Amino acid sequence: MVHLQVSEHRLVNIRRRSLCDNCLERRCTSFDGSRVTACKGFRPLLVALMKCRECGAIYDPYGNICALDYELCPECNHYVSDDKPMMTLICRE
């Protein structure tokens, strides 16, 4: 679960296990027993919009449950270049 601050006094809890965990719909036919990452009938428990710290785009954090960084929109989360690597691993023996 991720705790995401959407305003000064409000936090949103996003469960990363499945999009169905964050949905109001109880009689949905999208859930097939496996992890759901996209659903046309998704209705969030609380409507929250965030501004991407990289590009400034407004996005819905619930639609971004596979993200590594929730303060970035889905497009910026997938952006990878040679001068700005997404993740750096340091191995020590």
C-alpha atoms as a PDB file:
ATOM      1  CA  MET A   1       0.000   0.000   0.000  1.00  0.00           C
ATOM      2  CA  VAL A   2       1.204   3.507  -0.843  1.00  0.00           C
ATOM      3  CA  HIS A   3       0.294   6.600   1.179  1.00  0.00           C
ATOM      4  CA  LEU A   4       0.095   9.533  -1.215  1.00  0.00           C
ATOM      5  CA  GLN A   5      -0.305  13.122  -0.017  1.00  0.00           C
ATOM      6  CA  VAL A   6      -2.774  14.945  -2.295  1.00  0.00           C
ATOM      7  CA  SER A   7      -3.234  18.105  -0.217  1.00  0.00           C
ATOM      8  CA  GLU A   8      -1.865  19.611   2.969  1.00  0.00           C
ATOM      9  CA  HIS A   9      -4.140  17.593   5.253  1.00  0.00           C
ATOM     10  CA  ARG A  10      -5.282  14.700   3.053  1.00  0.00           C
ATOM     11  CA  LEU A  11      -3.604  11.387   2.285  1.00  0.00           C
ATOM     12  CA  VAL A  12      -4.837   8.786  -0.185  1.00  0.00           C
ATOM     13  CA  ASN A  13      -4.089   5.101   0.323  1.00  0.00           C
ATOM     14  CA  ILE A  14      -3.488   3.259  -2.932  1.00  0.00           C
ATOM     15  CA  ARG A  15      -3.333  -0.512  -2.794  1.00  0.00           C
ATOM     16  CA  ARG A  16      -0.900  -1.835  -5.385  1.00  0.00           C
ATOM     17  CA  ARG A  17      -2.169  -5.422  -5.337  1.00  0.00           C
ATOM     18  CA  SER A  18      -4.989  -4.769  -7.842  1.00  0.00           C
ATOM     19  CA  LEU A  19      -7.022  -1.871  -9.199  1.00  0.00           C
ATOM     20  CA  CYS A  20     -10.116  -3.675  -7.863  1.00  0.00           C
ATOM     21  CA  ASP A  21      -8.929  -2.986  -4.294  1.00  0.00           C
ATOM     22  CA  ASN A  22      -9.309   0.765  -4.959  1.00  0.00           C
ATOM     23  CA  CYS A  23     -12.700   0.573  -6.692  1.00  0.00           C
ATOM     24  CA  LEU A  24     -16.233   1.319  -5.498  1.00  0.00           C
ATOM     25  CA  GLU A  25     -17.814  -1.092  -7.970  1.00  0.00           C
ATOM     26  CA  ARG A  26     -18.789  -4.343  -6.239  1.00  0.00           C
ATOM     27  CA  ARG A  27     -20.439  -6.245  -9.112  1.00  0.00           C
ATOM     28  CA  CYS A  28     -17.686  -5.764 -11.650  1.00  0.00           C
ATOM     29  CA  THR A  29     -16.991  -8.389 -14.311  1.00  0.00           C
ATOM     30  CA  SER A  30     -13.373  -7.259 -14.921  1.00  0.00           C
ATOM     31  CA  PHE A  31     -11.957  -9.196 -11.967  1.00  0.00           C
ATOM     32  CA  ASP A  32     -10.979 -12.691 -13.072  1.00  0.00           C
ATOM     33  CA  GLY A  33      -9.012 -13.731  -9.985  1.00  0.00           C
ATOM     34  CA  SER A  34      -5.739 -12.203 -11.136  1.00  0.00           C
ATOM     35  CA  ARG A  35      -4.185  -8.744 -10.838  1.00  0.00           C
ATOM     36  CA  VAL A  36      -6.198  -6.023 -12.625  1.00  0.00           C
ATOM     37  CA  THR A  37      -4.157  -3.006 -13.800  1.00  0.00           C
ATOM     38  CA  ALA A  38      -6.664  -1.499 -16.269  1.00  0.00           C
ATOM     39  CA  CYS A  39     -10.460  -1.365 -16.138  1.00  0.00           C
ATOM     40  CA  LYS A  40     -12.983   0.739 -18.098  1.00  0.00           C
ATOM     41  CA  GLY A  41     -15.516   0.588 -15.249  1.00  0.00           C
ATOM     42  CA  PHE A  42     -13.100   1.720 -12.519  1.00  0.00           C
ATOM     43  CA  ARG A  43     -14.586   4.149  -9.991  1.00  0.00           C
ATOM     44  CA  PRO A  44     -12.165   5.354  -7.288  1.00  0.00           C
ATOM     45  CA  LEU A  45     -13.108   5.618  -3.619  1.00  0.00           C
ATOM     46  CA  LEU A  46     -11.996   9.257  -3.600  1.00  0.00           C
ATOM     47  CA  VAL A  47     -11.410  11.425  -6.661  1.00  0.00           C
ATOM     48  CA  ALA A  48      -7.879  12.804  -6.478  1.00  0.00           C
ATOM     49  CA  LEU A  49      -5.887  14.555  -9.178  1.00  0.00           C
ATOM     50  CA  MET A  50      -2.195  15.325  -8.970  1.00  0.00           C
ATOM     51  CA  LYS A  51       0.210  17.523 -10.904  1.00  0.00           C
ATOM     52  CA  CYS A  52       3.299  15.785 -12.294  1.00  0.00           C
ATOM     53  CA  ARG A  53       6.453  17.264 -10.796  1.00  0.00           C
ATOM     54  CA  GLU A  54       8.355  16.640 -14.057  1.00  0.00           C
ATOM     55  CA  CYS A  55       6.082  17.850 -16.886  1.00  0.00           C
ATOM     56  CA  GLY A  56       3.209  19.544 -15.015  1.00  0.00           C
ATOM     57  CA  ALA A  57       0.465  17.319 -16.472  1.00  0.00           C
ATOM     58  CA  ILE A  58      -2.623  16.608 -14.361  1.00  0.00           C
ATOM     59  CA  TYR A  59      -3.204  12.870 -13.813  1.00  0.00           C
ATOM     60  CA  ASP A  60      -5.183  10.417 -11.707  1.00  0.00           C
ATOM     61  CA  PRO A  61      -2.855   8.567  -9.293  1.00  0.00           C
ATOM     62  CA  TYR A  62      -5.226   5.568  -9.085  1.00  0.00           C
ATOM     63  CA  GLY A  63      -4.637   4.811 -12.765  1.00  0.00           C
ATOM     64  CA  ASN A  64      -0.916   4.636 -12.080  1.00  0.00           C
ATOM     65  CA  ILE A  65      -0.716   1.654  -9.676  1.00  0.00           C
ATOM     66  CA  CYS A  66       2.320   0.115 -11.410  1.00  0.00           C
ATOM     67  CA  ALA A  67       4.389   3.291 -11.018  1.00  0.00           C
ATOM     68  CA  LEU A  68       7.726   3.457  -9.256  1.00  0.00           C
ATOM     69  CA  ASP A  69       7.237   7.158  -8.417  1.00  0.00           C
ATOM     70  CA  TYR A  70       3.663   8.306  -7.715  1.00  0.00           C
ATOM     71  CA  GLU A  71       4.580  11.995  -8.073  1.00  0.00           C
ATOM     72  CA  LEU A  72       5.156  11.439 -11.802  1.00  0.00           C
ATOM     73  CA  CYS A  73       2.455  10.950 -14.445  1.00  0.00           C
ATOM     74  CA  PRO A  74       2.346   7.618 -16.339  1.00  0.00           C
ATOM     75  CA  GLU A  75       4.236   9.098 -19.322  1.00  0.00           C
ATOM     76  CA  CYS A  76       7.097  10.426 -17.163  1.00  0.00           C
ATOM     77  CA  ASN A  77       7.291   7.121 -15.255  1.00  0.00           C
ATOM     78  CA  HIS A  78       8.009   5.329 -18.526  1.00  0.00           C
ATOM     79  CA  TYR A  79      10.536   7.929 -19.738  1.00  0.00           C
ATOM     80  CA  VAL A  80      14.082   6.573 -19.911  1.00  0.00           C
ATOM     81  CA  SER A  81      17.102   8.273 -21.453  1.00  0.00           C
ATOM     82  CA  ASP A  82      20.872   7.765 -21.385  1.00  0.00           C
ATOM     83  CA  ASP A  83      21.593  10.846 -19.270  1.00  0.00           C
ATOM     84  CA  LYS A  84      18.711  10.242 -16.815  1.00  0.00           C
ATOM     85  CA  PRO A  85      18.505   6.564 -15.808  1.00  0.00           C
ATOM     86  CA  MET A  86      15.341   5.367 -14.112  1.00  0.00           C
ATOM     87  CA  MET A  87      17.094   3.350 -11.410  1.00  0.00           C
ATOM     88  CA  THR A  88      20.673   2.857 -10.292  1.00  0.00           C
ATOM     89  CA  LEU A  89      21.772  -0.306  -8.534  1.00  0.00           C
ATOM     90  CA  ILE A  90      24.914  -0.361  -6.379  1.00  0.00           C
ATOM     91  CA  CYS A  91      26.292  -3.744  -5.360  1.00  0.00           C
ATOM     92  CA  ARG A  92      28.672  -4.078  -2.454  1.00  0.00           C
ATOM     93  CA  GLU A  93      30.408  -7.232  -1.359  1.00  0.00           C
END
